[in-house]
Amino acid sequence: MIPEFNEDGYLPPGIYEASFEEVKNRFGFSWKRQKLLQGMSFLLEQCRILHCDILYLDGSFVTKKLNPNDYDACWDTTAENREQVLNNVLESLLESNSEVQKEYFGGEIYSAFSKAILLPELTILEYFQKTKQYEDKGIVMIKL
């Protein structure tokens, strides 16, 4: 279950598991968000094909901002053939540059275990759980 936003407009700290249907119901409250959800749906299809079975959502999309420009996501896999999945992803749209990703998916996609550029001591997944002031905040996890 996805909790209500705190007074700063973020989800409370934590990782909240939700289905894509729950994400659509919770975050699809404007036309712009509906458009982003269409791209996210395509992203989820690509993740399923590649066996990336976990997608974490972040950015202003998981805040109370009415019209976010995009969303940020990072993927992971629990597949037994993890190395093969990682190799397949390297040849996919999930590893294209951010402009191509935004065109196809409406957001920017990273691997959950790569290092954050601004804070290289953190993984992207850890970085997603920080505000711009480096305070803890919540994100959403979709299991495919």
Foldseek 3Di string as FASTA:
>chain_A
DFDAADPVFFGAFDEAEDALVVLCVPQVPAPLLVVLSVLQVVVVVVCVVLQQFKKKKADCSRGPDHHDQAIEIATHHPDPVRVSSVVVCCVDPLVDDQVSSCVRRVGHYYHQQQADPVHRVHGNVVVRQADPVGDGGYIYMYGD
